[in-house]
Amino acid sequence: MPKISWHTGLTALCAALAIVIGLGIGWLDLHTTEVSVTIGALLLAGLFMGLLQPAAAWRWAVLLALGLPVMGVAALLLHLPTAEPVHPDPRIAFIALGLSLVGCYCGVALRRAVA
């Protein structure tokens, strides 16, 4: 039986947390007409994840950003009520990834500056 280290457990917990937060931001995006709410949520969530676990912060950004297209597709497939009509666009996922990356690496920089 392989031994699970504390670091591995924290990484798994952070991955699960990033997925949940990303889906929450995707849900928030579906229920608001203001893009600034989504942008702020992605930046703050990225900052939090970068502070929490700075190692390979890009993966937290990817998991956070995937919440938007996943929730968009779910809304289309399940005919969920949304604030605006949903139009899946891959450019939105890339913009979300960029914002998440900025947030995550700001969190990494802040953690290193404080340490």
PDB file of N, CA and C in Angstrom:
ATOM      1  N   MET A   1       0.845  -1.166   0.000  1.00  0.00           N
ATOM      2  CA  MET A   1       0.000   0.000   0.000  1.00  0.00           C
ATOM      3  C   MET A   1       0.897   1.238   0.000  1.00  0.00           C
ATOM      4  N   PRO A   2       0.715   2.157  -0.980  1.00  0.00           N
ATOM      5  CA  PRO A   2       1.566   3.341  -1.026  1.00  0.00           C
ATOM      6  C   PRO A   2       1.249   4.295   0.123  1.00  0.00           C
ATOM      7  N   LYS A   3       2.295   4.901   0.618  1.00  0.00           N
ATOM      8  CA  LYS A   3       2.141   5.850   1.716  1.00  0.00           C
ATOM      9  C   LYS A   3       1.774   7.218   1.140  1.00  0.00           C
ATOM     10  N   ILE A   4       0.728   7.833   1.683  1.00  0.00           N
ATOM     11  CA  ILE A   4       0.296   9.153   1.233  1.00  0.00           C
ATOM     12  C   ILE A   4       0.888  10.180   2.189  1.00  0.00           C
ATOM     13  N   SER A   5       1.654  11.085   1.619  1.00  0.00           N
ATOM     14  CA  SER A   5       2.282  12.104   2.458  1.00  0.00           C
ATOM     15  C   SER A   5       1.309  13.241   2.730  1.00  0.00           C
ATOM     16  N   TRP A   6       1.667  14.083   3.674  1.00  0.00           N
ATOM     17  CA  TRP A   6       0.855  15.255   4.004  1.00  0.00           C
ATOM     18  C   TRP A   6       0.757  16.167   2.803  1.00  0.00           C
ATOM     19  N   HIS A   7       1.868  16.303   2.074  1.00  0.00           N
ATOM     20  CA  HIS A   7       1.885  17.174   0.902  1.00  0.00           C
ATOM     21  C   HIS A   7       0.929  16.665  -0.181  1.00  0.00           C
ATOM     22  N   THR A   8       0.896  15.350  -0.391  1.00  0.00           N
ATOM     23  CA  THR A   8      -0.006  14.765  -1.380  1.00  0.00           C
ATOM     24  C   THR A   8      -1.455  14.973  -0.972  1.00  0.00           C
ATOM     25  N   GLY A   9      -1.746  14.820   0.306  1.00  0.00           N
ATOM     26  CA  GLY A   9      -3.107  15.043   0.803  1.00  0.00           C
ATOM     27  C   GLY A   9      -3.537  16.483   0.624  1.00  0.00           C
ATOM     28  N   LEU A  10      -2.629  17.425   0.882  1.00  0.00           N
ATOM     29  CA  LEU A  10      -2.939  18.843   0.705  1.00  0.00           C
ATOM     30  C   LEU A  10      -3.183  19.153  -0.769  1.00  0.00           C
ATOM     31  N   THR A  11      -2.400  18.559  -1.649  1.00  0.00           N
ATOM     32  CA  THR A  11      -2.579  18.775  -3.081  1.00  0.00           C
ATOM     33  C   THR A  11      -3.939  18.262  -3.540  1.00  0.00           C
ATOM     34  N   ALA A  12      -4.337  17.105  -3.078  1.00  0.00           N
ATOM     35  CA  ALA A  12      -5.647  16.557  -3.441  1.00  0.00           C
ATOM     36  C   ALA A  12      -6.770  17.432  -2.891  1.00  0.00           C
ATOM     37  N   LEU A  13      -6.609  17.905  -1.670  1.00  0.00           N
ATOM     38  CA  LEU A  13      -7.607  18.786  -1.078  1.00  0.00           C
ATOM     39  C   LEU A  13      -7.700  20.106  -1.854  1.00  0.00           C
ATOM     40  N   CYS A  14      -6.562  20.650  -2.239  1.00  0.00           N
ATOM     41  CA  CYS A  14      -6.552  21.894  -3.018  1.00  0.00           C
ATOM     42  C   CYS A  14      -7.183  21.687  -4.394  1.00  0.00           C
ATOM     43  N   ALA A  15      -6.942  20.540  -5.005  1.00  0.00           N
ATOM     44  CA  ALA A  15      -7.556  20.259  -6.304  1.00  0.00           C
ATOM     45  C   ALA A  15      -9.070  20.190  -6.174  1.00  0.00           C
ATOM     46  N   ALA A  16      -9.548  19.502  -5.145  1.00  0.00           N
ATOM     47  CA  ALA A  16     -10.996  19.414  -4.930  1.00  0.00           C
ATOM     48  C   ALA A  16     -11.579  20.792  -4.638  1.00  0.00           C
ATOM     49  N   LEU A  17     -10.883  21.580  -3.843  1.00  0.00           N
ATOM     50  CA  LEU A  17     -11.338  22.931  -3.518  1.00  0.00           C
ATOM     51  C   LEU A  17     -11.379  23.813  -4.763  1.00  0.00           C
ATOM     52  N   ALA A  18     -10.360  23.715  -5.620  1.00  0.00           N
ATOM     53  CA  ALA A  18     -10.329  24.504  -6.858  1.00  0.00           C
ATOM     54  C   ALA A  18     -11.476  24.116  -7.789  1.00  0.00           C
ATOM     55  N   ILE A  19     -11.789  22.831  -7.849  1.00  0.00           N
ATOM     56  CA  ILE A  19     -12.905  22.381  -8.694  1.00  0.00           C
ATOM     57  C   ILE A  19     -14.224  22.943  -8.174  1.00  0.00           C
ATOM     58  N   VAL A  20     -14.435  22.845  -6.875  1.00  0.00           N
ATOM     59  CA  VAL A  20     -15.680  23.342  -6.276  1.00  0.00           C
ATOM     60  C   VAL A  20     -15.798  24.855  -6.456  1.00  0.00           C
ATOM     61  N   ILE A  21     -14.721  25.582  -6.190  1.00  0.00           N
ATOM     62  CA  ILE A  21     -14.751  27.036  -6.359  1.00  0.00           C
ATOM     63  C   ILE A  21     -14.963  27.399  -7.826  1.00  0.00           C
ATOM     64  N   GLY A  22     -14.290  26.701  -8.735  1.00  0.00           N
ATOM     65  CA  GLY A  22     -14.456  26.963 -10.171  1.00  0.00           C
ATOM     66  C   GLY A  22     -15.886  26.748 -10.637  1.00  0.00           C
ATOM     67  N   LEU A  23     -16.511  25.673 -10.170  1.00  0.00           N
ATOM     68  CA  LEU A  23     -17.912  25.432 -10.519  1.00  0.00           C
ATOM     69  C   LEU A  23     -18.818  26.494  -9.901  1.00  0.00           C
ATOM     70  N   GLY A  24     -18.469  26.935  -8.694  1.00  0.00           N
ATOM     71  CA  GLY A  24     -19.236  28.010  -8.059  1.00  0.00           C
ATOM     72  C   GLY A  24     -19.134  29.311  -8.842  1.00  0.00           C
ATOM     73  N   ILE A  25     -17.949  29.610  -9.341  1.00  0.00           N
ATOM     74  CA  ILE A  25     -17.778  30.815 -10.163  1.00  0.00           C
ATOM     75  C   ILE A  25     -18.532  30.661 -11.479  1.00  0.00           C
ATOM     76  N   GLY A  26     -18.528  29.466 -12.025  1.00  0.00           N
ATOM     77  CA  GLY A  26     -19.308  29.216 -13.249  1.00  0.00           C
ATOM     78  C   GLY A  26     -20.794  29.414 -13.016  1.00  0.00           C
ATOM     79  N   TRP A  27     -21.287  28.949 -11.876  1.00  0.00           N
ATOM     80  CA  TRP A  27     -22.703  29.155 -11.527  1.00  0.00           C
ATOM     81  C   TRP A  27     -22.984  30.639 -11.346  1.00  0.00           C
ATOM     82  N   LEU A  28     -22.080  31.333 -10.660  1.00  0.00           N
ATOM     83  CA  LEU A  28     -22.228  32.773 -10.452  1.00  0.00           C
ATOM     84  C   LEU A  28     -22.275  33.511 -11.787  1.00  0.00           C
ATOM     85  N   ASP A  29     -21.431  33.097 -12.709  1.00  0.00           N
ATOM     86  CA  ASP A  29     -21.395  33.723 -14.032  1.00  0.00           C
ATOM     87  C   ASP A  29     -22.721  33.548 -14.778  1.00  0.00           C
ATOM     88  N   LEU A  30     -23.363  32.419 -14.581  1.00  0.00           N
ATOM     89  CA  LEU A  30     -24.647  32.172 -15.238  1.00  0.00           C
ATOM     90  C   LEU A  30     -25.774  33.012 -14.659  1.00  0.00           C
ATOM     91  N   HIS A  31     -25.604  33.469 -13.420  1.00  0.00           N
ATOM     92  CA  HIS A  31     -26.687  34.169 -12.733  1.00  0.00           C
ATOM     93  C   HIS A  31     -26.444  35.659 -12.533  1.00  0.00           C
ATOM     94  N   THR A  32     -25.461  36.192 -13.215  1.00  0.00           N
ATOM     95  CA  THR A  32     -25.205  37.624 -13.143  1.00  0.00           C
ATOM     96  C   THR A  32     -25.009  38.178 -14.549  1.00  0.00           C
ATOM     97  N   THR A  33     -25.345  39.432 -14.718  1.00  0.00           N
ATOM     98  CA  THR A  33     -25.142  40.065 -16.025  1.00  0.00           C
ATOM     99  C   THR A  33     -23.875  40.917 -16.026  1.00  0.00           C
ATOM    100  N   GLU A  34     -23.236  41.051 -14.875  1.00  0.00           N
ATOM    101  CA  GLU A  34     -22.021  41.856 -14.760  1.00  0.00           C
ATOM    102  C   GLU A  34     -20.783  40.969 -14.890  1.00  0.00           C
ATOM    103  N   VAL A  35     -19.981  41.231 -15.892  1.00  0.00           N
ATOM    104  CA  VAL A  35     -18.768  40.442 -16.096  1.00  0.00           C
ATOM    105  C   VAL A  35     -17.731  40.749 -15.019  1.00  0.00           C
ATOM    106  N   SER A  36     -17.801  41.919 -14.417  1.00  0.00           N
ATOM    107  CA  SER A  36     -16.829  42.279 -13.383  1.00  0.00           C
ATOM    108  C   SER A  36     -16.947  41.375 -12.157  1.00  0.00           C
ATOM    109  N   VAL A  37     -18.123  40.858 -11.887  1.00  0.00           N
ATOM    110  CA  VAL A  37     -18.305  39.930 -10.763  1.00  0.00           C
ATOM    111  C   VAL A  37     -17.512  38.646 -11.025  1.00  0.00           C
ATOM    112  N   THR A  38     -17.606  38.137 -12.221  1.00  0.00           N
ATOM    113  CA  THR A  38     -16.886  36.913 -12.584  1.00  0.00           C
ATOM    114  C   THR A  38     -15.383  37.155 -12.586  1.00  0.00           C
ATOM    115  N   ILE A  39     -14.960  38.289 -13.124  1.00  0.00           N
ATOM    116  CA  ILE A  39     -13.532  38.616 -13.163  1.00  0.00           C
ATOM    117  C   ILE A  39     -12.977  38.714 -11.746  1.00  0.00           C
ATOM    118  N   GLY A  40     -13.673  39.423 -10.892  1.00  0.00           N
ATOM    119  CA  GLY A  40     -13.225  39.553  -9.499  1.00  0.00           C
ATOM    120  C   GLY A  40     -13.177  38.222  -8.783  1.00  0.00           C
ATOM    121  N   ALA A  41     -14.172  37.387  -9.029  1.00  0.00           N
ATOM    122  CA  ALA A  41     -14.204  36.068  -8.385  1.00  0.00           C
ATOM    123  C   ALA A  41     -13.035  35.202  -8.848  1.00  0.00           C
ATOM    124  N   LEU A  42     -12.727  35.223 -10.138  1.00  0.00           N
ATOM    125  CA  LEU A  42     -11.601  34.441 -10.651  1.00  0.00           C
ATOM    126  C   LEU A  42     -10.277  34.934 -10.085  1.00  0.00           C
ATOM    127  N   LEU A  43     -10.108  36.248 -10.015  1.00  0.00           N
ATOM    128  CA  LEU A  43      -8.862  36.801  -9.478  1.00  0.00           C
ATOM    129  C   LEU A  43      -8.712  36.478  -7.991  1.00  0.00           C
ATOM    130  N   LEU A  44      -9.782  36.666  -7.229  1.00  0.00           N
ATOM    131  CA  LEU A  44      -9.713  36.385  -5.786  1.00  0.00           C
ATOM    132  C   LEU A  44      -9.535  34.899  -5.487  1.00  0.00           C
ATOM    133  N   ALA A  45     -10.235  34.066  -6.230  1.00  0.00           N
ATOM    134  CA  ALA A  45     -10.085  32.620  -6.031  1.00  0.00           C
ATOM    135  C   ALA A  45      -8.673  32.178  -6.390  1.00  0.00           C
ATOM    136  N   GLY A  46      -8.136  32.722  -7.478  1.00  0.00           N
ATOM    137  CA  GLY A  46      -6.760  32.405  -7.857  1.00  0.00           C
ATOM    138  C   GLY A  46      -5.772  32.865  -6.805  1.00  0.00           C
ATOM    139  N   LEU A  47      -5.974  34.066  -6.276  1.00  0.00           N
ATOM    140  CA  LEU A  47      -5.111  34.593  -5.224  1.00  0.00           C
ATOM    141  C   LEU A  47      -5.140  33.667  -4.006  1.00  0.00           C
ATOM    142  N   PHE A  48      -6.331  33.252  -3.622  1.00  0.00           N
ATOM    143  CA  PHE A  48      -6.488  32.352  -2.483  1.00  0.00           C
ATOM    144  C   PHE A  48      -5.771  31.027  -2.730  1.00  0.00           C
ATOM    145  N   MET A  49      -5.961  30.448  -3.914  1.00  0.00           N
ATOM    146  CA  MET A  49      -5.352  29.151  -4.206  1.00  0.00           C
ATOM    147  C   MET A  49      -3.830  29.261  -4.286  1.00  0.00           C
ATOM    148  N   GLY A  50      -3.326  30.364  -4.852  1.00  0.00           N
ATOM    149  CA  GLY A  50      -1.882  30.569  -4.911  1.00  0.00           C
ATOM    150  C   GLY A  50      -1.272  30.738  -3.531  1.00  0.00           C
ATOM    151  N   LEU A  51      -1.993  31.399  -2.638  1.00  0.00           N
ATOM    152  CA  LEU A  51      -1.529  31.532  -1.253  1.00  0.00           C
ATOM    153  C   LEU A  51      -1.563  30.193  -0.526  1.00  0.00           C
ATOM    154  N   LEU A  52      -2.612  29.438  -0.760  1.00  0.00           N
ATOM    155  CA  LEU A  52      -2.812  28.169  -0.061  1.00  0.00           C
ATOM    156  C   LEU A  52      -1.779  27.123  -0.465  1.00  0.00           C
ATOM    157  N   GLN A  53      -1.558  26.979  -1.763  1.00  0.00           N
ATOM    158  CA  GLN A  53      -0.638  25.961  -2.267  1.00  0.00           C
ATOM    159  C   GLN A  53       0.102  26.526  -3.477  1.00  0.00           C
ATOM    160  N   PRO A  54       1.293  27.113  -3.271  1.00  0.00           N
ATOM    161  CA  PRO A  54       1.985  27.772  -4.373  1.00  0.00           C
ATOM    162  C   PRO A  54       2.652  26.825  -5.372  1.00  0.00           C
ATOM    163  N   ALA A  55       2.868  25.580  -5.008  1.00  0.00           N
ATOM    164  CA  ALA A  55       3.532  24.644  -5.910  1.00  0.00           C
ATOM    165  C   ALA A  55       2.667  24.377  -7.138  1.00  0.00           C
ATOM    166  N   ALA A  56       3.232  24.598  -8.316  1.00  0.00           N
ATOM    167  CA  ALA A  56       2.538  24.376  -9.596  1.00  0.00           C
ATOM    168  C   ALA A  56       1.169  25.049  -9.614  1.00  0.00           C
ATOM    169  N   ALA A  57       1.181  26.341  -9.369  1.00  0.00           N
ATOM    170  CA  ALA A  57      -0.071  27.105  -9.271  1.00  0.00           C
ATOM    171  C   ALA A  57      -0.874  27.099 -10.565  1.00  0.00           C
ATOM    172  N   TRP A  58      -0.246  26.787 -11.680  1.00  0.00           N
ATOM    173  CA  TRP A  58      -0.969  26.767 -12.949  1.00  0.00           C
ATOM    174  C   TRP A  58      -2.126  25.777 -12.919  1.00  0.00           C
ATOM    175  N   ARG A  59      -1.966  24.687 -12.175  1.00  0.00           N
ATOM    176  CA  ARG A  59      -3.043  23.677 -12.159  1.00  0.00           C
ATOM    177  C   ARG A  59      -4.295  24.201 -11.454  1.00  0.00           C
ATOM    178  N   TRP A  60      -4.114  25.053 -10.435  1.00  0.00           N
ATOM    179  CA  TRP A  60      -5.283  25.634  -9.766  1.00  0.00           C
ATOM    180  C   TRP A  60      -5.990  26.583 -10.724  1.00  0.00           C
ATOM    181  N   ALA A  61      -5.204  27.313 -11.516  1.00  0.00           N
ATOM    182  CA  ALA A  61      -5.792  28.231 -12.490  1.00  0.00           C
ATOM    183  C   ALA A  61      -6.614  27.464 -13.523  1.00  0.00           C
ATOM    184  N   VAL A  62      -6.095  26.342 -13.984  1.00  0.00           N
ATOM    185  CA  VAL A  62      -6.823  25.527 -14.970  1.00  0.00           C
ATOM    186  C   VAL A  62      -8.131  25.018 -14.371  1.00  0.00           C
ATOM    187  N   LEU A  63      -8.069  24.495 -13.146  1.00  0.00           N
ATOM    188  CA  LEU A  63      -9.283  23.962 -12.522  1.00  0.00           C
ATOM    189  C   LEU A  63     -10.305  25.059 -12.252  1.00  0.00           C
ATOM    190  N   LEU A  64      -9.847  26.239 -11.844  1.00  0.00           N
ATOM    191  CA  LEU A  64     -10.770  27.352 -11.627  1.00  0.00           C
ATOM    192  C   LEU A  64     -11.426  27.776 -12.934  1.00  0.00           C
ATOM    193  N   ALA A  65     -10.626  27.907 -13.985  1.00  0.00           N
ATOM    194  CA  ALA A  65     -11.134  28.393 -15.272  1.00  0.00           C
ATOM    195  C   ALA A  65     -12.088  27.405 -15.930  1.00  0.00           C
ATOM    196  N   LEU A  66     -11.904  26.125 -15.708  1.00  0.00           N
ATOM    197  CA  LEU A  66     -12.775  25.124 -16.333  1.00  0.00           C
ATOM    198  C   LEU A  66     -14.203  25.173 -15.805  1.00  0.00           C
ATOM    199  N   GLY A  67     -14.400  25.807 -14.663  1.00  0.00           N
ATOM    200  CA  GLY A  67     -15.745  25.901 -14.104  1.00  0.00           C
ATOM    201  C   GLY A  67     -16.708  26.661 -14.996  1.00  0.00           C
ATOM    202  N   LEU A  68     -16.220  27.674 -15.701  1.00  0.00           N
ATOM    203  CA  LEU A  68     -17.107  28.463 -16.560  1.00  0.00           C
ATOM    204  C   LEU A  68     -17.662  27.658 -17.731  1.00  0.00           C
ATOM    205  N   PRO A  69     -16.812  27.031 -18.558  1.00  0.00           N
ATOM    206  CA  PRO A  69     -17.388  26.264 -19.668  1.00  0.00           C
ATOM    207  C   PRO A  69     -18.171  25.037 -19.220  1.00  0.00           C
ATOM    208  N   VAL A  70     -17.744  24.407 -18.130  1.00  0.00           N
ATOM    209  CA  VAL A  70     -18.469  23.227 -17.637  1.00  0.00           C
ATOM    210  C   VAL A  70     -19.882  23.617 -17.213  1.00  0.00           C
ATOM    211  N   MET A  71     -20.000  24.703 -16.463  1.00  0.00           N
ATOM    212  CA  MET A  71     -21.332  25.149 -16.038  1.00  0.00           C
ATOM    213  C   MET A  71     -22.151  25.666 -17.213  1.00  0.00           C
ATOM    214  N   GLY A  72     -21.501  26.277 -18.190  1.00  0.00           N
ATOM    215  CA  GLY A  72     -22.218  26.730 -19.387  1.00  0.00           C
ATOM    216  C   GLY A  72     -22.817  25.570 -20.160  1.00  0.00           C
ATOM    217  N   VAL A  73     -22.039  24.526 -20.352  1.00  0.00           N
ATOM    218  CA  VAL A  73     -22.541  23.336 -21.046  1.00  0.00           C
ATOM    219  C   VAL A  73     -23.633  22.664 -20.224  1.00  0.00           C
ATOM    220  N   ALA A  74     -23.436  22.594 -18.903  1.00  0.00           N
ATOM    221  CA  ALA A  74     -24.466  21.992 -18.042  1.00  0.00           C
ATOM    222  C   ALA A  74     -25.770  22.783 -18.131  1.00  0.00           C
ATOM    223  N   ALA A  75     -25.675  24.102 -18.160  1.00  0.00           N
ATOM    224  CA  ALA A  75     -26.882  24.934 -18.262  1.00  0.00           C
ATOM    225  C   ALA A  75     -27.607  24.681 -19.575  1.00  0.00           C
ATOM    226  N   LEU A  76     -26.837  24.512 -20.651  1.00  0.00           N
ATOM    227  CA  LEU A  76     -27.470  24.229 -21.950  1.00  0.00           C
ATOM    228  C   LEU A  76     -28.125  22.850 -21.962  1.00  0.00           C
ATOM    229  N   LEU A  77     -27.404  21.855 -21.467  1.00  0.00           N
ATOM    230  CA  LEU A  77     -27.927  20.486 -21.502  1.00  0.00           C
ATOM    231  C   LEU A  77     -29.113  20.285 -20.575  1.00  0.00           C
ATOM    232  N   LEU A  78     -29.087  20.939 -19.420  1.00  0.00           N
ATOM    233  CA  LEU A  78     -30.143  20.755 -18.432  1.00  0.00           C
ATOM    234  C   LEU A  78     -31.228  21.830 -18.502  1.00  0.00           C
ATOM    235  N   HIS A  79     -31.079  22.754 -19.457  1.00  0.00           N
ATOM    236  CA  HIS A  79     -32.043  23.855 -19.639  1.00  0.00           C
ATOM    237  C   HIS A  79     -32.246  24.640 -18.345  1.00  0.00           C
ATOM    238  N   LEU A  80     -31.125  24.973 -17.704  1.00  0.00           N
ATOM    239  CA  LEU A  80     -31.184  25.728 -16.453  1.00  0.00           C
ATOM    240  C   LEU A  80     -31.498  27.198 -16.735  1.00  0.00           C
ATOM    241  N   PRO A  81     -32.226  27.841 -15.843  1.00  0.00           N
ATOM    242  CA  PRO A  81     -32.490  29.273 -16.029  1.00  0.00           C
ATOM    243  C   PRO A  81     -31.207  30.076 -15.779  1.00  0.00           C
ATOM    244  N   THR A  82     -30.937  31.038 -16.655  1.00  0.00           N
ATOM    245  CA  THR A  82     -29.746  31.877 -16.535  1.00  0.00           C
ATOM    246  C   THR A  82     -30.127  33.338 -16.712  1.00  0.00           C
ATOM    247  N   ALA A  83     -29.249  34.230 -16.280  1.00  0.00           N
ATOM    248  CA  ALA A  83     -29.513  35.665 -16.396  1.00  0.00           C
ATOM    249  C   ALA A  83     -29.488  36.120 -17.847  1.00  0.00           C
ATOM    250  N   GLU A  84     -28.642  35.497 -18.649  1.00  0.00           N
ATOM    251  CA  GLU A  84     -28.524  35.809 -20.075  1.00  0.00           C
ATOM    252  C   GLU A  84     -28.458  34.491 -20.848  1.00  0.00           C
ATOM    253  N   PRO A  85     -28.782  34.508 -22.133  1.00  0.00           N
ATOM    254  CA  PRO A  85     -28.648  33.283 -22.927  1.00  0.00           C
ATOM    255  C   PRO A  85     -27.189  32.797 -22.936  1.00  0.00           C
ATOM    256  N   VAL A  86     -27.013  31.495 -22.888  1.00  0.00           N
ATOM    257  CA  VAL A  86     -25.674  30.901 -22.855  1.00  0.00           C
ATOM    258  C   VAL A  86     -25.226  30.605 -24.278  1.00  0.00           C
ATOM    259  N   HIS A  87     -24.037  31.098 -24.613  1.00  0.00           N
ATOM    260  CA  HIS A  87     -23.426  30.838 -25.915  1.00  0.00           C
ATOM    261  C   HIS A  87     -22.008  30.331 -25.660  1.00  0.00           C
ATOM    262  N   PRO A  88     -21.790  29.014 -25.738  1.00  0.00           N
ATOM    263  CA  PRO A  88     -20.443  28.493 -25.479  1.00  0.00           C
ATOM    264  C   PRO A  88     -19.429  29.081 -26.464  1.00  0.00           C
ATOM    265  N   ASP A  89     -18.350  29.606 -25.926  1.00  0.00           N
ATOM    266  CA  ASP A  89     -17.304  30.218 -26.735  1.00  0.00           C
ATOM    267  C   ASP A  89     -15.965  29.861 -26.106  1.00  0.00           C
ATOM    268  N   PRO A  90     -15.070  29.189 -26.850  1.00  0.00           N
ATOM    269  CA  PRO A  90     -13.787  28.797 -26.265  1.00  0.00           C
ATOM    270  C   PRO A  90     -12.939  29.991 -25.837  1.00  0.00           C
ATOM    271  N   ARG A  91     -13.173  31.150 -26.426  1.00  0.00           N
ATOM    272  CA  ARG A  91     -12.394  32.331 -26.033  1.00  0.00           C
ATOM    273  C   ARG A  91     -12.659  32.709 -24.580  1.00  0.00           C
ATOM    274  N   ILE A  92     -13.862  32.462 -24.107  1.00  0.00           N
ATOM    275  CA  ILE A  92     -14.193  32.767 -22.714  1.00  0.00           C
ATOM    276  C   ILE A  92     -13.348  31.915 -21.772  1.00  0.00           C
ATOM    277  N   ALA A  93     -13.154  30.653 -22.119  1.00  0.00           N
ATOM    278  CA  ALA A  93     -12.336  29.769 -21.286  1.00  0.00           C
ATOM    279  C   ALA A  93     -10.886  30.250 -21.252  1.00  0.00           C
ATOM    280  N   PHE A  94     -10.366  30.733 -22.369  1.00  0.00           N
ATOM    281  CA  PHE A  94      -8.994  31.232 -22.390  1.00  0.00           C
ATOM    282  C   PHE A  94      -8.845  32.526 -21.585  1.00  0.00           C
ATOM    283  N   ILE A  95      -9.833  33.390 -21.657  1.00  0.00           N
ATOM    284  CA  ILE A  95      -9.805  34.616 -20.854  1.00  0.00           C
ATOM    285  C   ILE A  95      -9.885  34.264 -19.368  1.00  0.00           C
ATOM    286  N   ALA A  96     -10.763  33.325 -19.031  1.00  0.00           N
ATOM    287  CA  ALA A  96     -10.875  32.883 -17.634  1.00  0.00           C
ATOM    288  C   ALA A  96      -9.561  32.271 -17.162  1.00  0.00           C
ATOM    289  N   LEU A  97      -8.903  31.512 -18.022  1.00  0.00           N
ATOM    290  CA  LEU A  97      -7.616  30.924 -17.667  1.00  0.00           C
ATOM    291  C   LEU A  97      -6.582  32.014 -17.410  1.00  0.00           C
ATOM    292  N   GLY A  98      -6.557  33.024 -18.257  1.00  0.00           N
ATOM    293  CA  GLY A  98      -5.609  34.125 -18.061  1.00  0.00           C
ATOM    294  C   GLY A  98      -5.835  34.845 -16.746  1.00  0.00           C
ATOM    295  N   LEU A  99      -7.089  35.129 -16.438  1.00  0.00           N
ATOM    296  CA  LEU A  99      -7.412  35.798 -15.173  1.00  0.00           C
ATOM    297  C   LEU A  99      -7.058  34.923 -13.978  1.00  0.00           C
ATOM    298  N   SER A 100      -7.333  33.643 -14.082  1.00  0.00           N
ATOM    299  CA  SER A 100      -7.008  32.718 -12.992  1.00  0.00           C
ATOM    300  C   SER A 100      -5.500  32.606 -12.799  1.00  0.00           C
ATOM    301  N   LEU A 101      -4.763  32.588 -13.906  1.00  0.00           N
ATOM    302  CA  LEU A 101      -3.309  32.528 -13.809  1.00  0.00           C
ATOM    303  C   LEU A 101      -2.751  33.768 -13.113  1.00  0.00           C
ATOM    304  N   VAL A 102      -3.271  34.934 -13.480  1.00  0.00           N
ATOM    305  CA  VAL A 102      -2.830  36.174 -12.832  1.00  0.00           C
ATOM    306  C   VAL A 102      -3.101  36.102 -11.333  1.00  0.00           C
ATOM    307  N   GLY A 103      -4.300  35.689 -10.950  1.00  0.00           N
ATOM    308  CA  GLY A 103      -4.643  35.581  -9.540  1.00  0.00           C
ATOM    309  C   GLY A 103      -3.764  34.584  -8.804  1.00  0.00           C
ATOM    310  N   CYS A 104      -3.574  33.408  -9.391  1.00  0.00           N
ATOM    311  CA  CYS A 104      -2.770  32.366  -8.735  1.00  0.00           C
ATOM    312  C   CYS A 104      -1.331  32.814  -8.525  1.00  0.00           C
ATOM    313  N   TYR A 105      -0.731  33.382  -9.558  1.00  0.00           N
ATOM    314  CA  TYR A 105       0.675  33.765  -9.417  1.00  0.00           C
ATOM    315  C   TYR A 105       0.855  35.030  -8.595  1.00  0.00           C
ATOM    316  N   CYS A 106      -0.160  35.860  -8.468  1.00  0.00           N
ATOM    317  CA  CYS A 106      -0.119  36.965  -7.487  1.00  0.00           C
ATOM    318  C   CYS A 106      -0.134  36.392  -6.073  1.00  0.00           C
ATOM    319  N   GLY A 107      -0.928  35.346  -5.879  1.00  0.00           N
ATOM    320  CA  GLY A 107      -0.947  34.669  -4.576  1.00  0.00           C
ATOM    321  C   GLY A 107       0.391  34.033  -4.254  1.00  0.00           C
ATOM    322  N   VAL A 108       1.022  33.408  -5.248  1.00  0.00           N
ATOM    323  CA  VAL A 108       2.350  32.813  -5.049  1.00  0.00           C
ATOM    324  C   VAL A 108       3.352  33.900  -4.684  1.00  0.00           C
ATOM    325  N   ALA A 109       3.326  35.007  -5.421  1.00  0.00           N
ATOM    326  CA  ALA A 109       4.264  36.108  -5.148  1.00  0.00           C
ATOM    327  C   ALA A 109       4.031  36.698  -3.756  1.00  0.00           C
ATOM    328  N   LEU A 110       2.779  36.847  -3.383  1.00  0.00           N
ATOM    329  CA  LEU A 110       2.469  37.381  -2.060  1.00  0.00           C
ATOM    330  C   LEU A 110       2.949  36.454  -0.957  1.00  0.00           C
ATOM    331  N   ARG A 111       2.769  35.170  -1.147  1.00  0.00           N
ATOM    332  CA  ARG A 111       3.212  34.205  -0.129  1.00  0.00           C
ATOM    333  C   ARG A 111       4.728  34.229   0.003  1.00  0.00           C
ATOM    334  N   ARG A 112       5.429  34.313  -1.143  1.00  0.00           N
ATOM    335  CA  ARG A 112       6.900  34.377  -1.084  1.00  0.00           C
ATOM    336  C   ARG A 112       7.377  35.690  -0.466  1.00  0.00           C
ATOM    337  N   ALA A 113       6.672  36.780  -0.732  1.00  0.00           N
ATOM    338  CA  ALA A 113       7.063  38.077  -0.166  1.00  0.00           C
ATOM    339  C   ALA A 113       6.872  38.088   1.353  1.00  0.00           C
ATOM    340  N   VAL A 114       5.808  37.460   1.819  1.00  0.00           N
ATOM    341  CA  VAL A 114       5.541  37.421   3.249  1.00  0.00           C
ATOM    342  C   VAL A 114       6.522  36.474   3.953  1.00  0.00           C
ATOM    343  N   ALA A 115       6.843  35.372   3.287  1.00  0.00           N
ATOM    344  CA  ALA A 115       7.781  34.397   3.878  1.00  0.00           C
ATOM    345  C   ALA A 115       9.165  34.970   3.830  1.00  0.00           C
TER     346      ALA A 115
END
